[in-house]
Amino acid sequence: MKPSSLDPILVVDDDEDDLLTFQRAAARAHLANPIVCLNNGEEVVRYFSSAAAENRSPPVVIILDLKMPRMNGFEVLDWLRRQPGLRRIPVIVFTSSSQDPDIARAYEAGANSYLVKPVSFDRMIELLASIGLYWLVFNEKPDLSTGSTR
């Protein structure tokens, strides 16, 4: 299935305040894509396990926190990269950790980008506008069913 610019953005974070801030900033950054929020890695597995049955489009990008209970972001990355139909979905790690070992481990696990959550709301809006331009407009997305680009 060829991605559309209006396919969802999947945001995975266990902090409800961070999810709400993300949604508000995305609206202010004029991101048109619907945002689907999940609270942990186990929800990610359930989401994708039911996606085919519900004939749901895969997300255009996954924005993933690292530090979550049950199944952390590293485990989610590992799981995604082992799934043939999901391994090409871009994953942006979006976390509060700026520690070199976390950055290295995320890229080793298959992250496409690593961003540290900004402290200010205005900076969050700027960052999400940049994500929107790069990942949703300029980036060539793979056709997840065949592996070719659009």
C-alpha atoms as a PDB file:
ATOM      1  CA  MET A   1       0.000   0.000   0.000  1.00  0.00           C
ATOM      2  CA  LYS A   2       1.528   3.279  -1.116  1.00  0.00           C
ATOM      3  CA  PRO A   3       1.661   5.830   1.732  1.00  0.00           C
ATOM      4  CA  SER A   4      -0.436   8.933   1.501  1.00  0.00           C
ATOM      5  CA  SER A   5       0.429  12.300   2.976  1.00  0.00           C
ATOM      6  CA  LEU A   6      -2.669  11.862   5.151  1.00  0.00           C
ATOM      7  CA  ASP A   7      -1.733   8.491   6.585  1.00  0.00           C
ATOM      8  CA  PRO A   8      -1.519   8.681  10.374  1.00  0.00           C
ATOM      9  CA  ILE A   9       1.435   9.668  12.491  1.00  0.00           C
ATOM     10  CA  LEU A  10       1.825   7.124  15.287  1.00  0.00           C
ATOM     11  CA  VAL A  11       3.076   8.646  18.550  1.00  0.00           C
ATOM     12  CA  VAL A  12       4.111   6.280  21.331  1.00  0.00           C
ATOM     13  CA  ASP A  13       4.734   7.766  24.778  1.00  0.00           C
ATOM     14  CA  ASP A  14       3.661   6.721  28.270  1.00  0.00           C
ATOM     15  CA  ASP A  15       3.407  10.315  29.540  1.00  0.00           C
ATOM     16  CA  GLU A  16      -0.126  11.647  28.975  1.00  0.00           C
ATOM     17  CA  ASP A  17       1.063  15.259  29.390  1.00  0.00           C
ATOM     18  CA  ASP A  18       3.701  14.752  26.693  1.00  0.00           C
ATOM     19  CA  LEU A  19       1.074  13.249  24.359  1.00  0.00           C
ATOM     20  CA  LEU A  20      -1.269  16.176  24.939  1.00  0.00           C
ATOM     21  CA  THR A  21       1.553  18.674  24.389  1.00  0.00           C
ATOM     22  CA  PHE A  22       2.523  16.840  21.200  1.00  0.00           C
ATOM     23  CA  GLN A  23      -1.051  16.975  19.884  1.00  0.00           C
ATOM     24  CA  ARG A  24      -1.416  20.676  20.694  1.00  0.00           C
ATOM     25  CA  ALA A  25       1.956  21.515  19.120  1.00  0.00           C
ATOM     26  CA  ALA A  26       1.145  19.413  16.027  1.00  0.00           C
ATOM     27  CA  ALA A  27      -2.069  21.369  15.548  1.00  0.00           C
ATOM     28  CA  ARG A  28      -0.184  24.667  15.907  1.00  0.00           C
ATOM     29  CA  ALA A  29       2.462  23.380  13.451  1.00  0.00           C
ATOM     30  CA  HIS A  30      -0.379  22.687  10.984  1.00  0.00           C
ATOM     31  CA  LEU A  31       0.312  18.965  10.622  1.00  0.00           C
ATOM     32  CA  ALA A  32      -2.670  17.684   8.637  1.00  0.00           C
ATOM     33  CA  ASN A  33      -2.062  13.979   9.253  1.00  0.00           C
ATOM     34  CA  PRO A  34      -4.204  12.345  11.906  1.00  0.00           C
ATOM     35  CA  ILE A  35      -2.272  11.510  15.062  1.00  0.00           C
ATOM     36  CA  VAL A  36      -2.724   8.147  16.741  1.00  0.00           C
ATOM     37  CA  CYS A  37      -1.409   8.039  20.316  1.00  0.00           C
ATOM     38  CA  LEU A  38      -0.375   4.857  22.094  1.00  0.00           C
ATOM     39  CA  ASN A  39       0.929   4.589  25.648  1.00  0.00           C
ATOM     40  CA  ASN A  40       3.450   1.729  25.502  1.00  0.00           C
ATOM     41  CA  GLY A  41       5.146  -0.834  23.335  1.00  0.00           C
ATOM     42  CA  GLU A  42       2.588  -3.542  23.999  1.00  0.00           C
ATOM     43  CA  GLU A  43      -0.050  -1.234  22.504  1.00  0.00           C
ATOM     44  CA  VAL A  44       2.144  -0.871  19.406  1.00  0.00           C
ATOM     45  CA  VAL A  45       2.201  -4.643  18.902  1.00  0.00           C
ATOM     46  CA  ARG A  46      -1.597  -4.828  19.363  1.00  0.00           C
ATOM     47  CA  TYR A  47      -2.101  -1.862  17.013  1.00  0.00           C
ATOM     48  CA  PHE A  48      -0.149  -3.484  14.189  1.00  0.00           C
ATOM     49  CA  SER A  49      -1.546  -6.945  14.888  1.00  0.00           C
ATOM     50  CA  SER A  50      -5.070  -5.621  14.357  1.00  0.00           C
ATOM     51  CA  ALA A  51      -4.217  -3.187  11.519  1.00  0.00           C
ATOM     52  CA  ALA A  52      -4.493  -5.750   8.719  1.00  0.00           C
ATOM     53  CA  ALA A  53      -7.761  -7.118  10.065  1.00  0.00           C
ATOM     54  CA  GLU A  54      -9.183  -3.592  10.253  1.00  0.00           C
ATOM     55  CA  ASN A  55      -7.741  -2.651   6.821  1.00  0.00           C
ATOM     56  CA  ARG A  56      -5.945   0.327   8.394  1.00  0.00           C
ATOM     57  CA  SER A  57      -3.194   2.220   6.560  1.00  0.00           C
ATOM     58  CA  PRO A  58       0.230   1.984   8.173  1.00  0.00           C
ATOM     59  CA  PRO A  59       1.537   5.190   9.711  1.00  0.00           C
ATOM     60  CA  VAL A  60       3.642   7.481   7.562  1.00  0.00           C
ATOM     61  CA  VAL A  61       6.062   7.805  10.498  1.00  0.00           C
ATOM     62  CA  ILE A  62       6.341   6.511  14.071  1.00  0.00           C
ATOM     63  CA  ILE A  63       7.434   8.910  16.808  1.00  0.00           C
ATOM     64  CA  LEU A  64       8.703   6.822  19.693  1.00  0.00           C
ATOM     65  CA  ASP A  65       9.705   7.532  23.280  1.00  0.00           C
ATOM     66  CA  LEU A  66      12.388   5.274  24.752  1.00  0.00           C
ATOM     67  CA  LYS A  67      11.628   5.160  28.450  1.00  0.00           C
ATOM     68  CA  MET A  68       8.301   3.343  28.805  1.00  0.00           C
ATOM     69  CA  PRO A  69       7.031   0.569  31.060  1.00  0.00           C
ATOM     70  CA  ARG A  70       6.238  -2.968  29.866  1.00  0.00           C
ATOM     71  CA  MET A  71       7.974  -2.722  26.492  1.00  0.00           C
ATOM     72  CA  ASN A  72      10.430   0.151  26.094  1.00  0.00           C
ATOM     73  CA  GLY A  73      11.282   2.013  22.906  1.00  0.00           C
ATOM     74  CA  PHE A  74      14.367  -0.092  22.195  1.00  0.00           C
ATOM     75  CA  GLU A  75      12.251  -3.245  22.359  1.00  0.00           C
ATOM     76  CA  VAL A  76       9.630  -1.655  20.096  1.00  0.00           C
ATOM     77  CA  LEU A  77      12.320  -0.741  17.552  1.00  0.00           C
ATOM     78  CA  ASP A  78      13.685  -4.274  17.646  1.00  0.00           C
ATOM     79  CA  TRP A  79      10.199  -5.736  17.171  1.00  0.00           C
ATOM     80  CA  LEU A  80       9.333  -3.346  14.299  1.00  0.00           C
ATOM     81  CA  ARG A  81      12.561  -4.053  12.433  1.00  0.00           C
ATOM     82  CA  ARG A  82      11.845  -7.809  12.563  1.00  0.00           C
ATOM     83  CA  GLN A  83       8.383  -7.408  10.974  1.00  0.00           C
ATOM     84  CA  PRO A  84       8.567  -7.710   7.166  1.00  0.00           C
ATOM     85  CA  GLY A  85       5.624  -5.379   6.532  1.00  0.00           C
ATOM     86  CA  LEU A  86       6.740  -2.758   9.053  1.00  0.00           C
ATOM     87  CA  ARG A  87      10.516  -2.587   8.958  1.00  0.00           C
ATOM     88  CA  ARG A  88      10.598   0.236   6.399  1.00  0.00           C
ATOM     89  CA  ILE A  89       8.304   2.601   8.325  1.00  0.00           C
ATOM     90  CA  PRO A  90      10.459   5.547   9.446  1.00  0.00           C
ATOM     91  CA  VAL A  91      10.906   5.723  13.219  1.00  0.00           C
ATOM     92  CA  ILE A  92      11.875   8.948  14.963  1.00  0.00           C
ATOM     93  CA  VAL A  93      13.024   8.470  18.527  1.00  0.00           C
ATOM     94  CA  PHE A  94      11.603  11.402  20.480  1.00  0.00           C
ATOM     95  CA  THR A  95      12.807  11.286  24.057  1.00  0.00           C
ATOM     96  CA  SER A  96      14.167  13.348  26.912  1.00  0.00           C
ATOM     97  CA  SER A  97      17.484  11.465  26.969  1.00  0.00           C
ATOM     98  CA  SER A  98      20.462  13.087  25.301  1.00  0.00           C
ATOM     99  CA  GLN A  99      22.869  10.432  26.581  1.00  0.00           C
ATOM    100  CA  ASP A 100      25.303   9.066  23.995  1.00  0.00           C
ATOM    101  CA  PRO A 101      24.641   5.387  24.891  1.00  0.00           C
ATOM    102  CA  ASP A 102      20.889   5.856  24.287  1.00  0.00           C
ATOM    103  CA  ILE A 103      21.521   7.626  20.979  1.00  0.00           C
ATOM    104  CA  ALA A 104      23.916   4.917  19.780  1.00  0.00           C
ATOM    105  CA  ARG A 105      21.622   2.104  20.910  1.00  0.00           C
ATOM    106  CA  ALA A 106      18.602   3.671  19.169  1.00  0.00           C
ATOM    107  CA  TYR A 107      20.442   3.927  15.847  1.00  0.00           C
ATOM    108  CA  GLU A 108      21.799   0.401  16.265  1.00  0.00           C
ATOM    109  CA  ALA A 109      18.209  -0.801  16.786  1.00  0.00           C
ATOM    110  CA  GLY A 110      17.105   0.848  13.538  1.00  0.00           C
ATOM    111  CA  ALA A 111      15.955   4.376  14.393  1.00  0.00           C
ATOM    112  CA  ASN A 112      15.894   6.736  11.414  1.00  0.00           C
ATOM    113  CA  SER A 113      16.273   9.859  13.535  1.00  0.00           C
ATOM    114  CA  TYR A 114      16.874  10.779  17.176  1.00  0.00           C
ATOM    115  CA  LEU A 115      15.410  13.959  18.654  1.00  0.00           C
ATOM    116  CA  VAL A 116      15.476  15.252  22.209  1.00  0.00           C
ATOM    117  CA  LYS A 117      12.125  16.610  23.388  1.00  0.00           C
ATOM    118  CA  PRO A 118      12.307  20.382  23.604  1.00  0.00           C
ATOM    119  CA  VAL A 119      11.460  22.092  26.869  1.00  0.00           C
ATOM    120  CA  SER A 120       9.573  25.062  25.447  1.00  0.00           C
ATOM    121  CA  PHE A 121       6.236  24.771  23.672  1.00  0.00           C
ATOM    122  CA  ASP A 122       7.323  27.199  20.942  1.00  0.00           C
ATOM    123  CA  ARG A 123      10.391  25.060  20.220  1.00  0.00           C
ATOM    124  CA  MET A 124       8.124  21.969  20.069  1.00  0.00           C
ATOM    125  CA  ILE A 125       5.985  23.683  17.431  1.00  0.00           C
ATOM    126  CA  GLU A 126       9.099  24.539  15.384  1.00  0.00           C
ATOM    127  CA  LEU A 127      10.408  21.003  15.677  1.00  0.00           C
ATOM    128  CA  LEU A 128       7.093  19.437  14.619  1.00  0.00           C
ATOM    129  CA  ALA A 129       6.833  21.823  11.675  1.00  0.00           C
ATOM    130  CA  SER A 130      10.311  20.676  10.600  1.00  0.00           C
ATOM    131  CA  ILE A 131       9.349  17.022  11.061  1.00  0.00           C
ATOM    132  CA  GLY A 132       6.270  17.675   8.953  1.00  0.00           C
ATOM    133  CA  LEU A 133       8.251  19.237   6.132  1.00  0.00           C
ATOM    134  CA  TYR A 134      10.978  16.639   6.057  1.00  0.00           C
ATOM    135  CA  TRP A 135       9.237  13.352   6.888  1.00  0.00           C
ATOM    136  CA  LEU A 136       5.758  14.073   5.485  1.00  0.00           C
ATOM    137  CA  VAL A 137       6.522  16.261   2.460  1.00  0.00           C
ATOM    138  CA  PHE A 138      10.111  15.953   1.200  1.00  0.00           C
ATOM    139  CA  ASN A 139      11.029  12.404   2.229  1.00  0.00           C
ATOM    140  CA  GLU A 140      10.378   9.697  -0.374  1.00  0.00           C
ATOM    141  CA  LYS A 141       8.382   6.986   1.332  1.00  0.00           C
ATOM    142  CA  PRO A 142       8.590   3.299   0.445  1.00  0.00           C
ATOM    143  CA  ASP A 143       5.585   1.392  -0.810  1.00  0.00           C
ATOM    144  CA  LEU A 144       5.242  -0.966   2.141  1.00  0.00           C
ATOM    145  CA  SER A 145       3.657  -3.706   0.050  1.00  0.00           C
ATOM    146  CA  THR A 146       6.392  -3.931  -2.597  1.00  0.00           C
ATOM    147  CA  GLY A 147       9.389  -2.095  -1.224  1.00  0.00           C
ATOM    148  CA  SER A 148       9.536   0.378  -4.115  1.00  0.00           C
ATOM    149  CA  THR A 149       9.434   4.130  -3.642  1.00  0.00           C
ATOM    150  CA  ARG A 150       6.557   6.229  -4.908  1.00  0.00           C
END
